[in-house]
Structure formats: structure tokens, C-alpha cells
């Protein structure tokens, strides 16, 4: 799946921090795939802005392979985010692109 810088940041922010062994192994692998290398950070101009948030100058899409189980974990994370009323316009857009065809 092609993911923008914002998509990757959003997905990294909603990943579960706790769970069972299998879930956490999949989350760890997914986090590795979604994370940014030093070279990518330099290429997109990623930095922390004056409001202590991630910002970047250039968007570059990255192809990230997301398996069926990982997709289920992401869906559950979005569902929990929605249940807690934490969805925003960015997460809504990403959710719709991933799960609403």
C-alpha cells in the first residue's frame, strides 16, 4: 500500500502499545516498516516545529506491505480511536482510504 509521510505518522501514532505476544510482534514489524530512516527524514526535511510537532517540507510516498493480520490490528486501532472520540480529519481520510471502498 502506498503511504504518504502523513499516513505513516498517523499510523505510527495509533498503533497499540500493549497486547498479546503475537499482536506486539506484528506491531513491532509494522512500526519498523512505517518508521523513517535518517536518509528519509533528511530527504523530506522532517523536523520538530515550534509547537513540538513533526513537520516536513516534502512528501514522498512509500510502498509498505501490510498483511491481513496487521490490517486487522490497524482496523482495531482505528475503531478504538473512534470509540474514544480521538479521530481527526487526517485519521478519517486514512481510515476511509484503507477500509471504505
C-alpha atoms as a PDB file:
ATOM      1  CA  UNK A   1       0.000   0.000   0.000  1.00  0.00           C
ATOM      2  CA  UNK A   2       1.348   3.440  -0.910  1.00  0.00           C
ATOM      3  CA  UNK A   3       1.524   5.668   2.145  1.00  0.00           C
ATOM      4  CA  UNK A   4       2.418   9.338   2.396  1.00  0.00           C
ATOM      5  CA  UNK A   5       4.549  10.827   5.155  1.00  0.00           C
ATOM      6  CA  UNK A   6       1.350  11.917   6.950  1.00  0.00           C
ATOM      7  CA  UNK A   7      -0.174   8.437   6.568  1.00  0.00           C
ATOM      8  CA  UNK A   8       2.889   6.856   8.144  1.00  0.00           C
ATOM      9  CA  UNK A   9       2.972   9.362  11.012  1.00  0.00           C
ATOM     10  CA  UNK A  10      -0.746   8.813  11.670  1.00  0.00           C
ATOM     11  CA  UNK A  11      -0.448   5.019  11.627  1.00  0.00           C
ATOM     12  CA  UNK A  12       2.549   5.093  13.936  1.00  0.00           C
ATOM     13  CA  UNK A  13       0.614   7.272  16.379  1.00  0.00           C
ATOM     14  CA  UNK A  14      -2.376   4.925  16.686  1.00  0.00           C
ATOM     15  CA  UNK A  15      -0.549   1.589  16.973  1.00  0.00           C
ATOM     16  CA  UNK A  16      -1.363  -0.282  20.193  1.00  0.00           C
ATOM     17  CA  UNK A  17       1.245  -0.064  22.951  1.00  0.00           C
ATOM     18  CA  UNK A  18       0.018  -3.203  24.698  1.00  0.00           C
ATOM     19  CA  UNK A  19      -1.392  -6.538  23.633  1.00  0.00           C
ATOM     20  CA  UNK A  20      -0.602 -10.203  23.389  1.00  0.00           C
ATOM     21  CA  UNK A  21       2.670 -11.650  22.110  1.00  0.00           C
ATOM     22  CA  UNK A  22       1.531 -12.171  18.522  1.00  0.00           C
ATOM     23  CA  UNK A  23      -0.061  -8.735  18.250  1.00  0.00           C
ATOM     24  CA  UNK A  24       3.001  -6.968  19.614  1.00  0.00           C
ATOM     25  CA  UNK A  25       5.359  -8.844  17.287  1.00  0.00           C
ATOM     26  CA  UNK A  26       3.257  -7.773  14.304  1.00  0.00           C
ATOM     27  CA  UNK A  27       3.030  -4.197  15.617  1.00  0.00           C
ATOM     28  CA  UNK A  28       6.806  -4.086  16.066  1.00  0.00           C
ATOM     29  CA  UNK A  29       7.380  -5.245  12.480  1.00  0.00           C
ATOM     30  CA  UNK A  30       4.790  -2.778  11.187  1.00  0.00           C
ATOM     31  CA  UNK A  31       6.373   0.073  13.147  1.00  0.00           C
ATOM     32  CA  UNK A  32       9.748  -0.791  11.616  1.00  0.00           C
ATOM     33  CA  UNK A  33       8.233  -0.670   8.115  1.00  0.00           C
ATOM     34  CA  UNK A  34       6.376   2.605   8.770  1.00  0.00           C
ATOM     35  CA  UNK A  35       9.256   4.369  10.513  1.00  0.00           C
ATOM     36  CA  UNK A  36      11.609   6.793   8.823  1.00  0.00           C
ATOM     37  CA  UNK A  37      15.275   6.178   8.198  1.00  0.00           C
ATOM     38  CA  UNK A  38      17.735   9.016   8.689  1.00  0.00           C
ATOM     39  CA  UNK A  39      18.020   9.317   4.918  1.00  0.00           C
ATOM     40  CA  UNK A  40      14.221   9.562   4.512  1.00  0.00           C
ATOM     41  CA  UNK A  41      13.997  12.175   7.256  1.00  0.00           C
ATOM     42  CA  UNK A  42      16.642  14.254   5.516  1.00  0.00           C
ATOM     43  CA  UNK A  43      15.016  13.773   2.103  1.00  0.00           C
ATOM     44  CA  UNK A  44      11.605  15.011   3.269  1.00  0.00           C
ATOM     45  CA  UNK A  45      13.042  17.695   5.557  1.00  0.00           C
ATOM     46  CA  UNK A  46      11.466  16.247   8.702  1.00  0.00           C
ATOM     47  CA  UNK A  47      11.880  18.295  11.870  1.00  0.00           C
ATOM     48  CA  UNK A  48      10.082  19.248  15.071  1.00  0.00           C
ATOM     49  CA  UNK A  49       8.220  22.539  14.681  1.00  0.00           C
ATOM     50  CA  UNK A  50       7.775  25.339  17.248  1.00  0.00           C
ATOM     51  CA  UNK A  51       4.651  23.572  18.584  1.00  0.00           C
ATOM     52  CA  UNK A  52       6.702  20.414  19.253  1.00  0.00           C
ATOM     53  CA  UNK A  53       5.029  18.510  16.413  1.00  0.00           C
ATOM     54  CA  UNK A  54       6.544  16.660  13.478  1.00  0.00           C
ATOM     55  CA  UNK A  55       6.703  18.703  10.296  1.00  0.00           C
ATOM     56  CA  UNK A  56       8.231  18.071   6.884  1.00  0.00           C
ATOM     57  CA  UNK A  57       8.941  20.045   3.750  1.00  0.00           C
ATOM     58  CA  UNK A  58       8.349  17.434   1.044  1.00  0.00           C
ATOM     59  CA  UNK A  59       6.004  14.461   0.741  1.00  0.00           C
ATOM     60  CA  UNK A  60       7.318  11.178  -0.587  1.00  0.00           C
ATOM     61  CA  UNK A  61       5.126   8.094  -0.787  1.00  0.00           C
ATOM     62  CA  UNK A  62       6.476   4.756   0.378  1.00  0.00           C
ATOM     63  CA  UNK A  63       5.184   1.329  -0.566  1.00  0.00           C
ATOM     64  CA  UNK A  64       4.505  -0.581   2.654  1.00  0.00           C
ATOM     65  CA  UNK A  65       3.350  -4.182   2.644  1.00  0.00           C
ATOM     66  CA  UNK A  66       0.596  -4.689   5.186  1.00  0.00           C
ATOM     67  CA  UNK A  67      -0.542  -8.252   5.800  1.00  0.00           C
ATOM     68  CA  UNK A  68      -4.048  -9.373   6.663  1.00  0.00           C
ATOM     69  CA  UNK A  69      -3.395  -9.706  10.415  1.00  0.00           C
ATOM     70  CA  UNK A  70      -1.605  -6.340  10.533  1.00  0.00           C
ATOM     71  CA  UNK A  71      -4.539  -4.775   8.682  1.00  0.00           C
ATOM     72  CA  UNK A  72      -6.868  -6.196  11.351  1.00  0.00           C
ATOM     73  CA  UNK A  73      -4.717  -4.656  14.080  1.00  0.00           C
ATOM     74  CA  UNK A  74      -4.804  -1.291  12.301  1.00  0.00           C
ATOM     75  CA  UNK A  75      -8.591  -1.548  11.910  1.00  0.00           C
ATOM     76  CA  UNK A  76      -8.973  -2.333  15.636  1.00  0.00           C
ATOM     77  CA  UNK A  77      -6.727   0.638  16.485  1.00  0.00           C
ATOM     78  CA  UNK A  78      -8.871   2.938  14.328  1.00  0.00           C
ATOM     79  CA  UNK A  79     -12.023   1.536  15.936  1.00  0.00           C
ATOM     80  CA  UNK A  80     -10.607   2.243  19.410  1.00  0.00           C
ATOM     81  CA  UNK A  81      -9.574   5.745  18.331  1.00  0.00           C
ATOM     82  CA  UNK A  82     -13.110   6.320  17.048  1.00  0.00           C
ATOM     83  CA  UNK A  83     -14.670   4.930  20.236  1.00  0.00           C
ATOM     84  CA  UNK A  84     -12.563   7.344  22.317  1.00  0.00           C
ATOM     85  CA  UNK A  85     -13.540  10.281  20.092  1.00  0.00           C
ATOM     86  CA  UNK A  86      -9.921  10.846  19.013  1.00  0.00           C
ATOM     87  CA  UNK A  87     -10.440  10.705  15.257  1.00  0.00           C
ATOM     88  CA  UNK A  88      -9.422  13.789  13.315  1.00  0.00           C
ATOM     89  CA  UNK A  89      -9.658  14.731   9.655  1.00  0.00           C
ATOM     90  CA  UNK A  90      -6.309  13.098   8.838  1.00  0.00           C
ATOM     91  CA  UNK A  91      -7.163   9.802  10.521  1.00  0.00           C
ATOM     92  CA  UNK A  92     -10.638   9.873   8.973  1.00  0.00           C
ATOM     93  CA  UNK A  93      -9.173  10.284   5.488  1.00  0.00           C
ATOM     94  CA  UNK A  94      -6.688   7.473   6.033  1.00  0.00           C
ATOM     95  CA  UNK A  95      -9.353   5.202   7.529  1.00  0.00           C
ATOM     96  CA  UNK A  96     -11.629   5.765   4.542  1.00  0.00           C
ATOM     97  CA  UNK A  97      -8.835   5.059   2.047  1.00  0.00           C
ATOM     98  CA  UNK A  98      -7.868   1.869   3.853  1.00  0.00           C
ATOM     99  CA  UNK A  99     -11.255   0.427   4.808  1.00  0.00           C
ATOM    100  CA  UNK A 100     -14.064   2.113   2.882  1.00  0.00           C
ATOM    101  CA  UNK A 101     -14.021   1.257  -0.786  1.00  0.00           C
END
